């Protein structure tokens, strides 16, 4: 009986520990995808690209894609590369 109870308690703790991982926002991954996209195309990823990708991955901002695009093209990223990166974000 104690073994069943211990297993039940363990299952509850494992579930509670996994819940934040399953419900986490994918925003950071999207920002990383944007940066990786540009890195793979030969751009040096620095603070300006990081900022533009962060802007592009903000789901609360309805103009996030266009802001990301303008930020990237404003620092010299080619138009088609900026569009692809912002799509990844």
N, C-alpha and C. Protein backbone atom coordinates (compact mmCIF):
# COMPACT_ATOMS: atom_id res chain seq x y z
N UNK A 1 0.82 -1.19 0.00
CA UNK A 1 0.00 0.00 0.00
C UNK A 1 0.87 1.27 0.00
N UNK A 2 1.93 1.26 0.80
CA UNK A 2 2.81 2.42 0.84
C UNK A 2 3.51 2.62 -0.50
N UNK A 3 3.80 1.55 -1.20
CA UNK A 3 4.46 1.65 -2.50
C UNK A 3 3.55 2.35 -3.50
N UNK A 4 2.26 2.00 -3.50
CA UNK A 4 1.31 2.64 -4.41
C UNK A 4 1.19 4.13 -4.11
N UNK A 5 1.13 4.45 -2.83
CA UNK A 5 1.00 5.86 -2.43
C UNK A 5 2.26 6.63 -2.83
N UNK A 6 3.43 6.04 -2.61
CA UNK A 6 4.69 6.70 -2.99
C UNK A 6 4.75 6.89 -4.50
N UNK A 7 4.30 5.91 -5.25
CA UNK A 7 4.30 6.03 -6.71
C UNK A 7 3.34 7.13 -7.15
N UNK A 8 2.19 7.23 -6.49
CA UNK A 8 1.22 8.28 -6.81
C UNK A 8 1.77 9.66 -6.52
N UNK A 9 2.43 9.81 -5.39
CA UNK A 9 3.03 11.09 -5.03
C UNK A 9 4.14 11.44 -6.02
N UNK A 10 4.94 10.47 -6.38
CA UNK A 10 6.00 10.70 -7.36
C UNK A 10 5.43 11.13 -8.71
N UNK A 11 4.34 10.49 -9.13
CA UNK A 11 3.71 10.86 -10.40
C UNK A 11 3.20 12.29 -10.37
N UNK A 12 2.64 12.70 -9.26
CA UNK A 12 2.15 14.07 -9.12
C UNK A 12 3.31 15.06 -9.22
N UNK A 13 4.42 14.77 -8.56
CA UNK A 13 5.57 15.67 -8.59
C UNK A 13 6.18 15.75 -9.99
N UNK A 14 6.26 14.61 -10.67
CA UNK A 14 6.82 14.60 -12.03
C UNK A 14 5.91 15.41 -12.96
N UNK A 15 4.61 15.21 -12.83
CA UNK A 15 3.66 15.97 -13.66
C UNK A 15 3.77 17.46 -13.38
N UNK A 16 3.85 17.82 -12.11
CA UNK A 16 3.97 19.24 -11.75
C UNK A 16 5.28 19.84 -12.28
N UNK A 17 6.33 19.05 -12.30
CA UNK A 17 7.61 19.56 -12.80
C UNK A 17 7.60 19.70 -14.32
N UNK A 18 6.88 18.86 -15.02
CA UNK A 18 6.85 18.89 -16.48
C UNK A 18 5.88 19.93 -17.03
N UNK A 19 4.87 20.31 -16.27
CA UNK A 19 3.85 21.24 -16.77
C UNK A 19 4.41 22.56 -17.28
N UNK A 20 5.32 23.23 -16.57
CA UNK A 20 5.86 24.48 -17.12
C UNK A 20 6.63 24.28 -18.42
N UNK A 21 7.26 23.14 -18.58
CA UNK A 21 8.00 22.87 -19.81
C UNK A 21 7.05 22.68 -20.99
N UNK A 22 5.91 22.06 -20.74
CA UNK A 22 4.96 21.82 -21.82
C UNK A 22 4.18 23.08 -22.16
N UNK A 23 3.99 23.97 -21.19
CA UNK A 23 3.19 25.17 -21.41
C UNK A 23 4.04 26.40 -21.71
N UNK A 24 5.33 26.24 -21.82
CA UNK A 24 6.21 27.39 -22.03
C UNK A 24 5.95 28.03 -23.39
N UNK A 25 6.10 29.32 -23.43
CA UNK A 25 5.92 30.07 -24.67
C UNK A 25 7.05 29.76 -25.64
N UNK A 26 6.72 29.59 -26.93
CA UNK A 26 7.77 29.31 -27.89
C UNK A 26 8.50 30.55 -28.38
N UNK A 27 8.27 31.72 -27.82
CA UNK A 27 8.84 32.96 -28.30
C UNK A 27 10.34 32.92 -28.37
N UNK A 28 11.00 32.37 -27.31
CA UNK A 28 12.45 32.35 -27.34
C UNK A 28 12.98 31.46 -28.46
N UNK A 29 12.30 30.38 -28.75
CA UNK A 29 12.72 29.53 -29.84
C UNK A 29 12.56 30.23 -31.17
N UNK A 30 11.47 30.99 -31.31
CA UNK A 30 11.26 31.73 -32.54
C UNK A 30 12.33 32.81 -32.72
N UNK A 31 12.67 33.48 -31.64
CA UNK A 31 13.72 34.49 -31.71
C UNK A 31 15.03 33.81 -32.11
N UNK A 32 15.28 32.67 -31.56
CA UNK A 32 16.48 31.93 -31.91
C UNK A 32 16.47 31.46 -33.35
N UNK A 33 15.30 31.09 -33.84
CA UNK A 33 15.17 30.66 -35.24
C UNK A 33 15.49 31.81 -36.17
N UNK A 34 15.04 32.98 -35.83
CA UNK A 34 15.32 34.19 -36.61
C UNK A 34 16.83 34.45 -36.65
N UNK A 35 17.45 34.40 -35.51
CA UNK A 35 18.89 34.64 -35.43
C UNK A 35 19.67 33.56 -36.18
N UNK A 36 19.26 32.32 -36.02
CA UNK A 36 19.94 31.22 -36.69
C UNK A 36 19.80 31.34 -38.21
N UNK A 37 18.61 31.73 -38.66
CA UNK A 37 18.38 31.93 -40.09
C UNK A 37 19.40 32.91 -40.66
N UNK A 38 19.60 34.02 -39.96
CA UNK A 38 20.55 35.02 -40.44
C UNK A 38 21.99 34.55 -40.31
N UNK A 39 22.29 33.85 -39.23
CA UNK A 39 23.63 33.30 -39.04
C UNK A 39 24.00 32.35 -40.19
N UNK A 40 23.05 31.51 -40.57
CA UNK A 40 23.28 30.56 -41.65
C UNK A 40 23.48 31.26 -43.01
N UNK A 41 23.03 32.48 -43.13
CA UNK A 41 23.21 33.24 -44.37
C UNK A 41 24.42 34.16 -44.32
N UNK A 42 25.23 34.00 -43.28
CA UNK A 42 26.50 34.70 -43.22
C UNK A 42 26.52 36.01 -42.46
N UNK A 43 25.44 36.35 -41.78
CA UNK A 43 25.41 37.59 -41.01
C UNK A 43 25.98 37.35 -39.62
N UNK A 44 26.67 38.34 -39.10
CA UNK A 44 27.18 38.28 -37.74
C UNK A 44 26.04 38.70 -36.81
N UNK A 45 25.63 37.80 -35.96
CA UNK A 45 24.51 38.08 -35.05
C UNK A 45 25.02 38.85 -33.85
N UNK A 46 24.57 40.07 -33.73
CA UNK A 46 24.95 40.95 -32.62
C UNK A 46 23.71 41.56 -32.00
N UNK A 47 23.88 42.59 -31.19
CA UNK A 47 22.76 43.18 -30.46
C UNK A 47 21.64 43.71 -31.36
N UNK A 48 21.98 44.26 -32.52
CA UNK A 48 20.93 44.83 -33.38
C UNK A 48 20.08 43.73 -34.01
N UNK A 49 20.69 42.65 -34.43
CA UNK A 49 19.92 41.53 -34.97
C UNK A 49 19.12 40.87 -33.86
N UNK A 50 19.72 40.72 -32.70
CA UNK A 50 19.00 40.13 -31.57
C UNK A 50 17.76 40.96 -31.23
N UNK A 51 17.90 42.26 -31.23
CA UNK A 51 16.78 43.15 -30.92
C UNK A 51 15.69 43.04 -31.98
N UNK A 52 16.07 43.03 -33.25
CA UNK A 52 15.08 42.92 -34.33
C UNK A 52 14.35 41.59 -34.25
N UNK A 53 15.07 40.51 -33.99
CA UNK A 53 14.43 39.20 -33.88
C UNK A 53 13.52 39.12 -32.66
N UNK A 54 13.92 39.76 -31.57
CA UNK A 54 13.08 39.80 -30.38
C UNK A 54 11.78 40.54 -30.70
N UNK A 55 11.90 41.65 -31.41
CA UNK A 55 10.72 42.41 -31.82
C UNK A 55 9.83 41.55 -32.71
N UNK A 56 10.43 40.84 -33.64
CA UNK A 56 9.66 40.01 -34.56
C UNK A 56 8.96 38.84 -33.91
N UNK A 57 9.44 38.42 -32.77
CA UNK A 57 8.84 37.27 -32.10
C UNK A 57 7.83 37.66 -31.02
N UNK A 58 7.48 38.94 -30.94
CA UNK A 58 6.55 39.41 -29.92
C UNK A 58 5.11 39.22 -30.39
N UNK A 59 4.39 38.22 -29.86
CA UNK A 59 3.03 37.97 -30.32
C UNK A 59 2.03 39.06 -29.89
N UNK A 60 2.39 39.86 -28.92
CA UNK A 60 1.49 40.91 -28.44
C UNK A 60 1.54 42.15 -29.33
N UNK A 61 2.52 42.23 -30.21
CA UNK A 61 2.69 43.39 -31.07
C UNK A 61 2.16 43.07 -32.47
N UNK A 62 1.04 43.69 -32.90
CA UNK A 62 0.49 43.38 -34.22
C UNK A 62 1.40 43.79 -35.37
N UNK A 63 2.30 44.72 -35.15
CA UNK A 63 3.21 45.16 -36.20
C UNK A 63 4.59 44.57 -36.06
N UNK A 64 4.70 43.44 -35.37
CA UNK A 64 6.02 42.88 -35.06
C UNK A 64 6.79 42.47 -36.32
N UNK A 65 6.11 41.91 -37.31
CA UNK A 65 6.82 41.46 -38.50
C UNK A 65 7.44 42.64 -39.24
N UNK A 66 6.65 43.67 -39.47
CA UNK A 66 7.15 44.81 -40.24
C UNK A 66 8.24 45.55 -39.47
N UNK A 67 8.11 45.63 -38.15
CA UNK A 67 9.17 46.26 -37.35
C UNK A 67 10.45 45.45 -37.44
N UNK A 68 10.33 44.14 -37.35
CA UNK A 68 11.49 43.26 -37.49
C UNK A 68 12.15 43.48 -38.85
N UNK A 69 11.33 43.50 -39.89
CA UNK A 69 11.83 43.67 -41.26
C UNK A 69 12.56 45.00 -41.42
N UNK A 70 11.95 46.09 -40.97
CA UNK A 70 12.58 47.41 -41.12
C UNK A 70 13.85 47.52 -40.28
N UNK A 71 13.83 46.94 -39.09
CA UNK A 71 15.04 46.97 -38.26
C UNK A 71 16.19 46.23 -38.95
N UNK A 72 15.89 45.09 -39.53
CA UNK A 72 16.94 44.30 -40.18
C UNK A 72 17.43 44.97 -41.46
N UNK A 73 16.52 45.43 -42.30
CA UNK A 73 16.97 46.08 -43.54
C UNK A 73 17.68 47.38 -43.23
N UNK A 74 17.33 48.01 -42.13
CA UNK A 74 17.99 49.26 -41.73
C UNK A 74 19.44 49.07 -41.33
N UNK A 75 19.83 47.86 -40.97
CA UNK A 75 21.23 47.61 -40.61
C UNK A 75 21.97 46.87 -41.71
N UNK A 76 21.35 46.77 -42.88
CA UNK A 76 22.05 46.22 -44.02
C UNK A 76 21.74 44.78 -44.38
N UNK A 77 20.75 44.18 -43.74
CA UNK A 77 20.36 42.82 -44.11
C UNK A 77 19.58 42.90 -45.41
N UNK A 78 19.91 42.01 -46.35
CA UNK A 78 19.20 42.01 -47.64
C UNK A 78 17.71 41.76 -47.42
N UNK A 79 16.90 42.33 -48.28
CA UNK A 79 15.45 42.28 -48.15
C UNK A 79 14.91 40.85 -48.02
N UNK A 80 15.37 39.96 -48.89
CA UNK A 80 14.85 38.59 -48.86
C UNK A 80 15.32 37.85 -47.59
N UNK A 81 16.51 38.16 -47.11
CA UNK A 81 16.98 37.55 -45.87
C UNK A 81 16.22 38.08 -44.66
N UNK A 82 15.93 39.37 -44.67
CA UNK A 82 15.15 39.97 -43.58
C UNK A 82 13.75 39.37 -43.55
N UNK A 83 13.13 39.21 -44.70
CA UNK A 83 11.79 38.63 -44.76
C UNK A 83 11.79 37.20 -44.21
N UNK A 84 12.77 36.41 -44.62
CA UNK A 84 12.86 35.03 -44.14
C UNK A 84 13.09 34.95 -42.64
N UNK A 85 13.94 35.83 -42.13
CA UNK A 85 14.23 35.84 -40.70
C UNK A 85 13.00 36.24 -39.90
N UNK A 86 12.31 37.27 -40.37
CA UNK A 86 11.11 37.72 -39.65
C UNK A 86 9.99 36.69 -39.74
N UNK A 87 9.93 35.95 -40.84
CA UNK A 87 8.97 34.84 -40.92
C UNK A 87 9.31 33.76 -39.91
N UNK A 88 10.58 33.51 -39.71
CA UNK A 88 11.02 32.51 -38.72
C UNK A 88 10.68 32.98 -37.31
N UNK A 89 10.71 34.29 -37.09
CA UNK A 89 10.37 34.82 -35.76
C UNK A 89 8.89 34.75 -35.57
